Amino acid sequence: MLQEWSHIPWLSILAFSPLLGVMTLLFVPAARTRVIRGIGFAATLIPLLLSFVIYGSIRLEGQGQFLTERLDWISIPLNIDAAMSQGFASWTFKVPYHLAIDGISLPLVLLTSIIATMAVLGSWMIQHRLKTYMICFLLLEIGMLGVFMARDLFLFFMFFEWTLVPSFFLIGIWGALKREQAANRFLVYNGIGSALMLVAFMMITATAGFGVDPASQEGGHFIYSGDLSFLMQQLQEKGSLAMMDSPANPFYLSESWQISAFVLLLIAFGIKLPIFPFHTWMLRVHAEAPAPMVMLHSGILLKMGAYGLIQFGIALLPVQMTEWASVIAILGVINIVYGALLAFVQKEWRLVLAYSSMSHMGFVLFGAASMNELGLQGAVLQMVSHGFISALFFLLIGSLHERTKTTRLSDLGGLAKAAPWLSGLLLFTGLASLGLPGLSQFPAELFALLGLFDAMPWITMIGALGLILSAAYVLRAVLQSTYGTCPQQHAGIRDLRLAEGIPALILTAGIVLLGIWPGIVSEPIADGIKQVVHILTVRG
């Protein structure tokens, strides 16, 4: 359907449409809170509707990469003696403005749009500096959408960095008592990860990005570029491979340097995921950030690390990814078991969910380590499933905190009588989180485990213990909150309001839909995974 209107930059509109809300909010008085909330909600509806249209179009067309936009953006002429000495006519460093949606990024773009809209609806509890909050929120959505659509390494880095600034303010201004400490730790850890990622991108670009400009008429114009399409073409063409792996390339990197680039990417994306032992910053954010921000953080921002590892790590460094698959699987099993065990002993709801997120991201590592189509589909499906579940969890926990002023398990209990809808949805979300068949987590974790089992059966079986442990910590927290004796001060609390019930039911519908019909997401994912698996078979 969108092919008929291919001259329209749909992806740019999708990514930057929240700017309309930002620009409008600049002219609205801070005291007009209802108008501000309405504008914020309307600004998230545009990318939401457009992402649904794009999703439906790509599913109907059945193509791995349906929409793409590419413009020459930054072009810097270079005077490199090593290149000139080999008779090359001219050299240019290029950063194209290249956006695209494929089967891997498609469900994540849709997930981002849905959760952003639900988080805006869940922001009714924000009263302080609402105008500034909504501007930061919409700027963060732009960065998240851009990350999943960027197809140039440096453009990806810019969007990745974009998300840090509004996230820092959303945590530091509207968080809980230790919000400044949480915001600072978030910025330091993610800043270090971004620096390592940039160094790795520069190393990869200088190696694989060396080649003839396809637009050159004379064939003598050489460039090095971080454009993912150009890099993957270089990796697949025999002549380009010979050039890339030959010392005749003035930017030739030895195998040890390529391993170094992979390790840098693994650490950079591992901080974001997070992978043990880089998880401590995430605990602070989950505990201190406002609930709508944690909906975005746990539901979307954590997935940026996993997405980067699959989309860039596997695609650009398949040999190293294959050689390090066992290490990634071991890190995954540590995440699963360590996170589940610590979630079981936590006394505060937010920390239970923080360690739960860490544990569930271990299954994403399992899928990435499998190096096959089934496991990688499970990894992406797990990202989508956990996005819905964690967003719903924190929407409910935020509502619970607004009513009781606490999320400590020992201060809760007996809520089933006072707030049956809230308690029922809390139990439903817990069942989804532990992988109940018929809900979204079950097929996601099943695909990841089956994908890894052939190559690493013992690690897979140890990781499967996480399913049992998740049932233990989830049911412990849910039952302690909803059953037993209700504290006197909580006896008269209100049940879910309409503003909370609508996003809760939409997220619930997403969890159920993915559980009974995983193909609605796994089929587009399969189209995107095929290209990655092809690279693994050719280069791995």
Protein backbone atom coordinates (compact mmCIF):
# COMPACT_ATOMS: atom_id res chain seq x y z
CA MET A 1 0.00 0.00 0.00
CA LEU A 2 2.76 2.45 0.93
CA GLN A 3 4.69 1.66 -2.26
CA GLU A 4 2.19 3.81 -4.14
CA TRP A 5 3.32 6.73 -1.99
CA SER A 6 7.01 5.83 -1.88
CA HIS A 7 8.03 9.43 -2.57
CA ILE A 8 6.80 10.39 0.90
CA PRO A 9 9.46 9.99 3.66
CA TRP A 10 7.30 7.78 5.86
CA LEU A 11 10.12 6.70 8.14
CA SER A 12 11.26 10.25 8.84
CA ILE A 13 7.68 11.23 9.56
CA LEU A 14 7.38 8.27 11.90
CA ALA A 15 10.61 9.07 13.73
CA PHE A 16 10.22 12.83 14.06
CA SER A 17 6.45 13.28 14.30
CA PRO A 18 6.65 13.73 18.12
CA LEU A 19 8.49 16.99 17.35
CA LEU A 20 5.11 18.44 16.39
CA GLY A 21 4.03 17.92 19.97
CA VAL A 22 7.25 19.42 21.30
CA MET A 23 6.91 22.54 19.14
CA THR A 24 3.26 22.95 20.11
CA LEU A 25 4.00 22.55 23.82
CA LEU A 26 6.50 25.41 23.67
CA PHE A 27 3.60 27.83 23.13
CA VAL A 28 1.27 26.37 25.78
CA PRO A 29 1.28 27.93 29.28
CA ALA A 30 2.57 25.55 31.95
CA ALA A 31 -0.64 25.96 33.96
CA ARG A 32 -2.80 24.42 31.18
CA THR A 33 -2.24 20.86 32.37
CA ARG A 34 -5.18 19.29 30.54
CA VAL A 35 -4.10 20.84 27.26
CA ILE A 36 -0.53 19.66 27.83
CA ARG A 37 -1.66 16.09 28.51
CA GLY A 38 -3.88 16.16 25.41
CA ILE A 39 -1.06 17.41 23.19
CA GLY A 40 1.34 14.80 24.58
CA PHE A 41 -1.16 12.02 23.92
CA ALA A 42 -1.96 13.29 20.41
CA ALA A 43 1.75 13.53 19.58
CA THR A 44 2.24 9.83 20.37
CA LEU A 45 -0.82 8.82 18.31
CA ILE A 46 0.81 9.88 15.02
CA PRO A 47 3.74 7.41 15.21
CA LEU A 48 1.40 4.80 16.69
CA LEU A 49 -1.03 4.93 13.75
CA LEU A 50 1.75 5.15 11.18
CA SER A 51 3.63 2.20 12.69
CA PHE A 52 0.46 0.10 12.47
CA VAL A 53 0.05 1.06 8.81
CA ILE A 54 3.68 0.19 8.07
CA TYR A 55 3.42 -3.06 9.99
CA GLY A 56 0.32 -4.12 8.09
CA SER A 57 1.85 -3.16 4.75
CA ILE A 58 5.06 -5.10 5.34
CA ARG A 59 3.17 -8.19 6.54
CA LEU A 60 1.00 -8.11 3.44
CA GLU A 61 3.96 -7.61 1.12
CA GLY A 62 6.04 -10.26 2.92
CA GLN A 63 9.33 -8.48 2.20
CA GLY A 64 12.33 -8.42 4.50
CA GLN A 65 12.99 -4.71 3.99
CA PHE A 66 10.05 -2.79 2.65
CA LEU A 67 10.67 0.85 3.46
CA THR A 68 14.00 2.60 3.22
CA GLU A 69 15.20 6.20 2.97
CA ARG A 70 18.73 7.20 2.08
CA LEU A 71 20.17 10.67 1.52
CA ASP A 72 23.73 11.93 1.38
CA TRP A 73 24.13 13.76 4.66
CA ILE A 74 27.74 14.24 5.78
CA SER A 75 30.58 13.94 3.26
CA ILE A 76 34.13 14.83 4.28
CA PRO A 77 36.99 14.70 1.69
CA LEU A 78 40.14 13.11 3.05
CA ASN A 79 43.79 13.34 2.15
CA ILE A 80 45.25 9.99 3.19
CA ASP A 81 48.82 9.38 2.11
CA ALA A 82 48.50 5.61 2.35
CA ALA A 83 45.55 5.67 -0.01
CA MET A 84 47.06 8.11 -2.45
CA SER A 85 50.24 6.05 -2.67
CA GLN A 86 48.17 3.17 -4.07
CA GLY A 87 46.81 5.31 -6.88
CA PHE A 88 43.30 5.92 -5.63
CA ALA A 89 41.80 9.05 -7.12
CA SER A 90 40.07 10.50 -4.04
CA TRP A 91 38.85 9.58 -0.59
CA THR A 92 35.71 10.56 1.27
CA PHE A 93 34.27 9.79 4.67
CA LYS A 94 30.48 9.52 4.44
CA VAL A 95 27.67 9.44 6.98
CA PRO A 96 24.41 8.93 5.07
CA TYR A 97 21.01 9.65 6.50
CA HIS A 98 19.79 6.10 6.07
CA LEU A 99 16.61 4.81 7.68
CA ALA A 100 15.00 1.44 7.00
CA ILE A 101 12.60 -1.04 8.54
CA ASP A 102 13.14 -4.79 8.23
CA GLY A 103 11.66 -7.80 9.96
CA ILE A 104 13.87 -7.37 13.03
CA SER A 105 13.19 -3.69 13.62
CA LEU A 106 9.53 -3.76 12.52
CA PRO A 107 8.03 -5.29 15.72
CA LEU A 108 10.30 -3.16 17.90
CA VAL A 109 9.18 0.05 16.19
CA LEU A 110 5.56 -0.97 16.71
CA LEU A 111 6.29 -1.91 20.34
CA THR A 112 7.91 1.48 20.93
CA SER A 113 4.91 3.34 19.55
CA ILE A 114 2.43 1.31 21.60
CA ILE A 115 4.28 1.56 24.90
CA ALA A 116 4.99 5.28 24.43
CA THR A 117 1.27 5.94 24.01
CA MET A 118 0.40 3.77 27.00
CA ALA A 119 3.07 5.48 29.11
CA VAL A 120 1.62 8.90 28.25
CA LEU A 121 -1.77 7.69 29.42
CA GLY A 122 -0.09 6.37 32.55
CA SER A 123 1.53 9.76 33.22
CA TRP A 124 -1.59 11.14 34.91
CA MET A 125 0.30 10.84 38.21
CA ILE A 126 2.88 13.41 37.06
CA GLN A 127 1.91 16.81 38.45
CA HIS A 128 5.22 18.63 38.92
CA ARG A 129 6.59 20.53 35.86
CA LEU A 130 4.28 18.66 33.52
CA LYS A 131 5.16 20.70 30.44
CA THR A 132 8.88 19.99 30.76
CA TYR A 133 8.13 16.34 31.50
CA MET A 134 6.05 15.93 28.34
CA ILE A 135 8.71 17.60 26.17
CA CYS A 136 11.40 15.26 27.51
CA PHE A 137 9.07 12.31 27.02
CA LEU A 138 8.43 13.09 23.35
CA LEU A 139 12.11 13.73 22.68
CA LEU A 140 12.89 10.33 24.18
CA GLU A 141 10.37 8.69 21.86
CA ILE A 142 12.12 10.23 18.85
CA GLY A 143 15.43 8.74 19.94
CA MET A 144 13.97 5.28 20.54
CA LEU A 145 12.25 5.17 17.15
CA GLY A 146 15.41 6.40 15.44
CA VAL A 147 17.57 3.72 17.04
CA PHE A 148 15.46 0.92 15.58
CA MET A 149 15.38 2.44 12.09
CA ALA A 150 18.93 3.80 11.67
CA ARG A 151 20.98 1.90 9.11
CA ASP A 152 24.23 3.81 9.41
CA LEU A 153 26.48 3.05 12.37
CA PHE A 154 27.07 6.70 13.19
CA LEU A 155 23.41 7.64 12.73
CA PHE A 156 22.55 4.76 15.08
CA PHE A 157 25.09 6.12 17.56
CA MET A 158 23.56 9.60 17.36
CA PHE A 159 20.05 8.32 18.08
CA PHE A 160 21.46 6.08 20.81
CA GLU A 161 23.05 9.11 22.44
CA TRP A 162 19.88 11.14 21.88
CA THR A 163 18.00 8.87 24.30
CA LEU A 164 20.45 9.52 27.13
CA VAL A 165 19.66 13.21 27.64
CA PRO A 166 15.85 13.10 28.07
CA SER A 167 16.18 9.87 30.07
CA PHE A 168 18.61 11.58 32.44
CA PHE A 169 16.16 14.41 33.12
CA LEU A 170 13.11 12.14 33.37
CA ILE A 171 14.89 10.13 36.05
CA GLY A 172 16.61 13.00 37.84
CA ILE A 173 13.67 15.41 38.06
CA TRP A 174 10.59 13.20 38.46
CA GLY A 175 12.09 10.22 40.26
CA ALA A 176 11.96 9.21 43.91
CA LEU A 177 14.14 10.22 46.84
CA LYS A 178 17.47 9.04 45.37
CA ARG A 179 16.63 10.14 41.83
CA GLU A 180 19.80 12.21 41.31
CA GLN A 181 22.02 9.28 42.23
CA ALA A 182 20.07 6.99 39.89
CA ALA A 183 20.25 9.51 37.04
CA ASN A 184 23.98 10.04 37.48
CA ARG A 185 24.69 6.32 37.56
CA PHE A 186 22.53 5.84 34.46
CA LEU A 187 24.45 8.53 32.61
CA VAL A 188 27.91 7.29 33.64
CA TYR A 189 27.31 3.65 32.76
CA ASN A 190 25.54 4.36 29.48
CA GLY A 191 28.05 7.08 28.59
CA ILE A 192 30.89 4.60 28.97
CA GLY A 193 28.99 2.08 26.89
CA SER A 194 28.39 4.66 24.16
CA ALA A 195 32.09 5.56 24.08
CA LEU A 196 33.08 1.90 23.68
CA MET A 197 30.46 1.46 20.96
CA LEU A 198 31.79 4.47 19.05
CA VAL A 199 35.35 3.11 19.15
CA ALA A 200 34.12 -0.27 17.87
CA PHE A 201 32.12 1.38 15.09
CA MET A 202 35.18 3.35 14.00
CA MET A 203 37.24 0.17 13.89
CA ILE A 204 34.59 -1.68 11.86
CA THR A 205 34.11 1.23 9.50
CA ALA A 206 37.83 1.58 8.88
CA THR A 207 37.98 -2.13 8.01
CA ALA A 208 34.79 -3.16 6.23
CA GLY A 209 33.74 0.32 5.16
CA PHE A 210 36.68 0.62 2.78
CA GLY A 211 35.59 0.32 -0.85
CA VAL A 212 34.59 1.86 -4.14
CA ASP A 213 31.74 4.33 -4.06
CA PRO A 214 28.89 2.59 -5.94
CA ALA A 215 27.75 6.01 -7.22
CA SER A 216 31.15 6.79 -8.72
CA GLN A 217 31.21 6.96 -12.52
CA GLU A 218 34.97 6.53 -12.80
CA GLY A 219 35.41 3.70 -10.32
CA GLY A 220 38.28 5.56 -8.71
CA HIS A 221 36.47 7.26 -5.85
CA PHE A 222 37.09 5.36 -2.65
CA ILE A 223 35.18 5.85 0.56
CA TYR A 224 34.83 4.43 3.98
CA SER A 225 31.36 4.50 5.37
CA GLY A 226 29.34 3.09 8.24
CA ASP A 227 26.26 2.49 6.10
CA LEU A 228 25.00 -0.95 7.12
CA SER A 229 23.84 -1.86 3.60
CA PHE A 230 27.26 -0.91 2.18
CA LEU A 231 29.07 -2.82 4.92
CA MET A 232 27.01 -5.98 4.44
CA GLN A 233 27.54 -5.78 0.68
CA GLN A 234 31.28 -5.55 1.31
CA LEU A 235 31.13 -8.58 3.56
CA GLN A 236 29.28 -10.66 0.97
CA GLU A 237 31.29 -9.78 -2.14
CA LYS A 238 34.41 -11.83 -2.62
CA GLY A 239 36.43 -8.98 -4.09
CA SER A 240 35.55 -6.68 -1.23
CA LEU A 241 36.35 -9.41 1.26
CA ALA A 242 39.76 -9.91 -0.29
CA MET A 243 40.35 -6.19 -0.07
CA MET A 244 39.08 -5.98 3.49
CA ASP A 245 41.15 -8.89 4.76
CA SER A 246 44.28 -7.97 2.86
CA PRO A 247 47.15 -5.89 4.26
CA ALA A 248 46.89 -3.95 0.96
CA ASN A 249 44.00 -2.21 2.65
CA PRO A 250 45.65 0.70 4.51
CA PHE A 251 43.02 0.26 7.24
CA TYR A 252 43.55 -3.49 7.53
CA LEU A 253 42.78 -4.85 11.00
CA SER A 254 44.22 -8.11 12.20
CA GLU A 255 42.06 -10.83 13.71
CA SER A 256 42.97 -9.71 17.21
CA TRP A 257 41.75 -6.19 16.44
CA GLN A 258 38.51 -7.53 15.02
CA ILE A 259 38.04 -9.53 18.24
CA SER A 260 38.71 -6.33 20.16
CA ALA A 261 35.97 -4.55 18.19
CA PHE A 262 33.56 -7.37 18.97
CA VAL A 263 34.38 -7.33 22.69
CA LEU A 264 33.84 -3.57 22.77
CA LEU A 265 30.43 -4.00 21.15
CA LEU A 266 29.55 -6.83 23.52
CA ILE A 267 30.38 -4.66 26.54
CA ALA A 268 28.64 -1.59 25.10
CA PHE A 269 25.43 -3.43 24.28
CA GLY A 270 25.80 -5.56 27.40
CA ILE A 271 25.66 -2.46 29.59
CA LYS A 272 22.40 -1.47 27.97
CA LEU A 273 20.85 -4.96 28.01
CA PRO A 274 22.11 -5.33 30.83
CA ILE A 275 24.48 -8.30 31.14
CA PHE A 276 25.96 -9.29 34.49
CA PRO A 277 28.00 -7.60 36.00
CA PHE A 278 26.94 -4.34 34.28
CA HIS A 279 23.45 -4.37 35.77
CA THR A 280 23.73 -2.23 38.91
CA TRP A 281 22.76 1.03 37.21
CA MET A 282 19.55 -0.59 35.97
CA LEU A 283 18.50 -1.48 39.53
CA ARG A 284 18.71 2.17 40.58
CA VAL A 285 16.67 3.33 37.60
CA HIS A 286 13.94 0.75 38.21
CA ALA A 287 13.78 1.71 41.89
CA GLU A 288 13.87 5.50 41.56
CA ALA A 289 12.48 6.56 38.17
CA PRO A 290 8.79 7.49 37.79
CA ALA A 291 6.59 4.60 36.67
CA PRO A 292 5.94 5.89 33.09
CA MET A 293 9.69 6.32 32.58
CA VAL A 294 10.34 2.77 33.80
CA MET A 295 7.67 1.55 31.38
CA LEU A 296 9.81 2.99 28.59
CA HIS A 297 13.09 1.99 30.16
CA SER A 298 12.26 -1.63 30.89
CA GLY A 299 9.93 -2.03 27.92
CA ILE A 300 12.05 -0.34 25.23
CA LEU A 301 15.45 1.04 26.24
CA LEU A 302 16.81 -2.29 27.49
CA LYS A 303 15.92 -3.80 24.11
CA MET A 304 18.24 -1.38 22.33
CA GLY A 305 21.24 -3.35 23.61
CA ALA A 306 19.85 -6.69 22.42
CA TYR A 307 18.82 -5.17 19.09
CA GLY A 308 22.30 -3.74 18.55
CA LEU A 309 23.94 -7.07 19.36
CA ILE A 310 21.79 -8.91 16.79
CA GLN A 311 21.52 -6.26 14.09
CA PHE A 312 25.14 -5.06 14.17
CA GLY A 313 27.16 -7.61 16.14
CA ILE A 314 26.02 -10.68 14.22
CA ALA A 315 25.68 -8.95 10.85
CA LEU A 316 29.10 -7.27 10.88
CA LEU A 317 31.24 -9.61 12.98
CA PRO A 318 29.75 -13.06 12.33
CA VAL A 319 33.03 -14.95 12.75
CA GLN A 320 33.66 -13.46 16.18
CA MET A 321 30.01 -13.90 17.14
CA THR A 322 30.21 -17.58 16.27
CA GLU A 323 33.45 -18.07 18.19
CA TRP A 324 32.06 -16.29 21.25
CA ALA A 325 28.64 -17.96 21.15
CA SER A 326 29.42 -20.17 24.14
CA VAL A 327 30.54 -17.14 26.16
CA ILE A 328 27.32 -15.31 25.31
CA ALA A 329 25.29 -18.39 26.29
CA ILE A 330 27.12 -18.59 29.63
CA LEU A 331 26.43 -14.91 30.24
CA GLY A 332 22.80 -15.63 29.41
CA VAL A 333 22.53 -18.45 31.95
CA ILE A 334 24.16 -16.23 34.60
CA ASN A 335 21.60 -13.53 33.86
CA ILE A 336 18.73 -16.01 34.07
CA VAL A 337 19.71 -17.81 37.27
CA TYR A 338 21.38 -14.94 39.15
CA GLY A 339 18.56 -12.53 38.33
CA ALA A 340 15.87 -15.03 39.33
CA LEU A 341 17.54 -15.94 42.64
CA LEU A 342 17.96 -12.30 43.65
CA ALA A 343 14.40 -11.46 42.54
CA PHE A 344 13.16 -14.14 44.93
CA VAL A 345 14.71 -12.49 48.02
CA GLN A 346 13.78 -8.88 47.25
CA LYS A 347 11.42 -7.07 49.59
CA GLU A 348 10.38 -4.30 47.21
CA TRP A 349 8.26 -4.69 44.10
CA ARG A 350 10.43 -2.53 41.87
CA LEU A 351 13.56 -4.51 42.67
CA VAL A 352 11.72 -7.79 42.08
CA LEU A 353 10.87 -6.53 38.59
CA ALA A 354 14.38 -5.16 38.02
CA TYR A 355 16.01 -8.53 38.66
CA SER A 356 13.19 -10.19 36.72
CA SER A 357 14.06 -8.06 33.68
CA MET A 358 17.69 -9.05 34.04
CA SER A 359 16.68 -12.72 34.16
CA HIS A 360 14.39 -12.51 31.13
CA MET A 361 17.05 -10.74 29.08
CA GLY A 362 19.13 -13.87 29.57
CA PHE A 363 16.77 -15.67 27.19
CA VAL A 364 17.52 -13.00 24.60
CA LEU A 365 21.20 -13.87 24.99
CA PHE A 366 20.30 -17.54 24.56
CA GLY A 367 18.56 -16.76 21.28
CA ALA A 368 21.48 -14.66 20.05
CA ALA A 369 23.99 -17.38 21.00
CA SER A 370 22.03 -20.05 19.12
CA MET A 371 23.08 -18.62 15.75
CA ASN A 372 20.09 -20.19 14.03
CA GLU A 373 16.78 -18.92 12.72
CA LEU A 374 14.62 -20.40 15.47
CA GLY A 375 16.74 -19.05 18.32
CA LEU A 376 17.08 -15.59 16.83
CA GLN A 377 13.33 -15.42 16.27
CA GLY A 378 12.93 -16.33 19.93
CA ALA A 379 15.31 -13.56 20.96
CA VAL A 380 13.37 -10.86 19.08
CA LEU A 381 10.03 -12.29 20.16
CA GLN A 382 11.26 -12.26 23.76
CA MET A 383 12.13 -8.58 23.43
CA VAL A 384 8.61 -7.79 22.25
CA SER A 385 6.95 -10.01 24.85
CA HIS A 386 8.97 -8.66 27.75
CA GLY A 387 8.28 -5.13 26.53
CA PHE A 388 4.53 -5.63 26.92
CA ILE A 389 4.80 -7.49 30.23
CA SER A 390 7.25 -5.13 31.94
CA ALA A 391 5.30 -2.07 30.76
CA LEU A 392 2.08 -3.50 32.20
CA PHE A 393 3.84 -4.48 35.43
CA PHE A 394 5.18 -0.98 36.03
CA LEU A 395 1.89 0.66 35.05
CA LEU A 396 0.20 -1.39 37.79
CA ILE A 397 3.01 -0.88 40.31
CA GLY A 398 2.88 2.87 39.68
CA SER A 399 -0.86 2.84 40.32
CA LEU A 400 -0.29 0.79 43.47
CA HIS A 401 2.33 3.21 44.73
CA GLU A 402 0.10 6.22 44.06
CA ARG A 403 -2.57 4.68 46.28
CA THR A 404 -0.50 3.15 49.08
CA LYS A 405 2.66 5.32 48.96
CA THR A 406 4.72 2.14 49.16
CA THR A 407 5.77 -0.85 47.07
CA ARG A 408 7.36 -2.82 49.89
CA LEU A 409 5.88 -6.31 49.98
CA SER A 410 5.71 -6.31 53.79
CA ASP A 411 3.51 -3.19 53.74
CA LEU A 412 1.03 -4.66 51.27
CA GLY A 413 -1.51 -7.46 51.45
CA GLY A 414 -5.18 -8.20 51.07
CA LEU A 415 -5.60 -5.92 48.06
CA ALA A 416 -7.85 -8.39 46.26
CA LYS A 417 -10.90 -7.19 48.20
CA ALA A 418 -10.18 -3.48 48.04
CA ALA A 419 -8.95 -3.37 44.42
CA PRO A 420 -10.02 -6.55 42.57
CA TRP A 421 -9.24 -5.28 39.06
CA LEU A 422 -5.78 -4.09 40.03
CA SER A 423 -5.09 -7.35 41.86
CA GLY A 424 -6.44 -9.47 39.02
CA LEU A 425 -4.31 -7.72 36.41
CA LEU A 426 -1.29 -8.02 38.69
CA LEU A 427 -1.84 -11.77 38.88
CA PHE A 428 -2.37 -11.99 35.11
CA THR A 429 0.88 -10.12 34.45
CA GLY A 430 2.71 -12.39 36.87
CA LEU A 431 1.40 -15.48 35.07
CA ALA A 432 2.52 -14.00 31.75
CA SER A 433 5.97 -13.27 33.20
CA LEU A 434 6.48 -16.85 34.40
CA GLY A 435 5.71 -18.20 30.94
CA LEU A 436 2.19 -19.55 31.20
CA PRO A 437 1.17 -21.28 27.93
CA GLY A 438 -1.22 -19.14 25.94
CA LEU A 439 0.54 -15.92 26.90
CA SER A 440 3.37 -14.14 25.10
CA GLN A 441 6.37 -15.24 27.17
CA PHE A 442 5.81 -18.95 26.54
CA PRO A 443 6.54 -19.10 22.76
CA ALA A 444 9.34 -16.55 23.08
CA GLU A 445 11.28 -18.50 25.70
CA LEU A 446 10.46 -21.80 24.02
CA PHE A 447 11.95 -20.64 20.70
CA ALA A 448 15.08 -19.36 22.42
CA LEU A 449 15.59 -22.59 24.39
CA LEU A 450 14.92 -24.87 21.40
CA GLY A 451 17.25 -22.81 19.22
CA LEU A 452 20.15 -23.19 21.65
CA PHE A 453 19.51 -26.79 22.70
CA ASP A 454 21.18 -28.53 19.74
CA ALA A 455 24.45 -26.67 20.19
CA MET A 456 24.60 -26.35 23.99
CA PRO A 457 22.18 -28.76 25.70
CA TRP A 458 23.64 -28.51 29.21
CA ILE A 459 23.64 -24.72 29.27
CA THR A 460 20.10 -24.77 27.91
CA MET A 461 18.90 -27.12 30.64
CA ILE A 462 20.47 -24.96 33.36
CA GLY A 463 18.82 -21.90 31.84
CA ALA A 464 15.47 -23.69 31.82
CA LEU A 465 15.64 -23.62 35.62
CA GLY A 466 14.84 -19.93 35.27
CA LEU A 467 11.29 -20.90 34.31
CA ILE A 468 10.82 -22.60 37.68
CA LEU A 469 12.53 -19.81 39.60
CA SER A 470 10.45 -17.16 37.86
CA ALA A 471 7.28 -18.91 38.99
CA ALA A 472 8.59 -18.84 42.56
CA TYR A 473 9.50 -15.14 42.78
CA VAL A 474 6.54 -13.87 40.75
CA LEU A 475 3.89 -15.79 42.69
CA ARG A 476 5.55 -14.90 46.00
CA ALA A 477 5.34 -11.17 45.23
CA VAL A 478 1.85 -11.26 43.72
CA LEU A 479 0.27 -13.40 46.43
CA GLN A 480 1.92 -11.43 49.24
CA SER A 481 0.47 -8.23 47.78
CA THR A 482 -3.04 -9.37 46.95
CA TYR A 483 -3.91 -11.98 49.60
CA GLY A 484 -3.74 -12.12 53.38
CA THR A 485 -4.73 -9.36 55.77
CA CYS A 486 -5.13 -5.89 54.30
CA PRO A 487 -3.40 -3.16 56.35
CA GLN A 488 -5.90 -0.76 57.90
CA GLN A 489 -4.53 2.26 56.04
CA HIS A 490 -5.09 0.53 52.67
CA ALA A 491 -8.61 -0.77 53.32
CA GLY A 492 -10.34 2.01 51.39
CA ILE A 493 -8.09 2.37 48.33
CA ARG A 494 -9.69 2.88 44.93
CA ASP A 495 -9.56 0.34 42.15
CA LEU A 496 -8.17 1.15 38.70
CA ARG A 497 -9.34 4.40 37.13
CA LEU A 498 -10.33 4.65 33.48
CA ALA A 499 -7.03 6.40 32.66
CA GLU A 500 -5.19 3.38 34.08
CA GLY A 501 -7.59 0.69 32.90
CA ILE A 502 -7.43 1.59 29.19
CA PRO A 503 -3.64 1.22 28.79
CA ALA A 504 -3.68 -1.82 31.08
CA LEU A 505 -6.26 -3.58 28.92
CA ILE A 506 -4.43 -2.68 25.68
CA LEU A 507 -1.16 -4.10 27.01
CA THR A 508 -3.06 -7.16 28.25
CA ALA A 509 -4.51 -7.66 24.77
CA GLY A 510 -1.01 -7.53 23.30
CA ILE A 511 0.23 -10.21 25.70
CA VAL A 512 -2.71 -12.50 24.91
CA LEU A 513 -2.46 -11.93 21.15
CA LEU A 514 1.25 -12.82 21.06
CA GLY A 515 0.54 -15.88 23.19
CA ILE A 516 -2.17 -17.39 21.00
CA TRP A 517 -0.86 -16.08 17.65
CA PRO A 518 2.95 -15.60 17.86
CA GLY A 519 3.13 -15.79 14.08
CA ILE A 520 1.80 -12.23 13.82
CA VAL A 521 5.25 -11.15 15.01
CA SER A 522 7.45 -14.17 14.28
CA GLU A 523 6.62 -14.20 10.55
CA PRO A 524 7.97 -10.69 9.86
CA ILE A 525 10.89 -11.44 12.19
CA ALA A 526 11.73 -14.53 10.10
CA ASP A 527 12.09 -12.38 6.99
CA GLY A 528 14.62 -10.15 8.74
CA ILE A 529 16.45 -13.05 10.39
CA LYS A 530 17.03 -14.84 7.06
CA GLN A 531 19.55 -12.23 5.95
CA VAL A 532 21.43 -12.48 9.25
CA VAL A 533 21.48 -16.29 9.09
CA HIS A 534 22.72 -16.11 5.49
CA ILE A 535 25.67 -14.00 6.62
CA LEU A 536 26.40 -16.50 9.39
CA THR A 537 26.49 -19.38 6.90
CA VAL A 538 28.67 -17.47 4.44
CA ARG A 539 31.10 -15.84 6.84
CA GLY A 540 30.68 -17.83 10.06
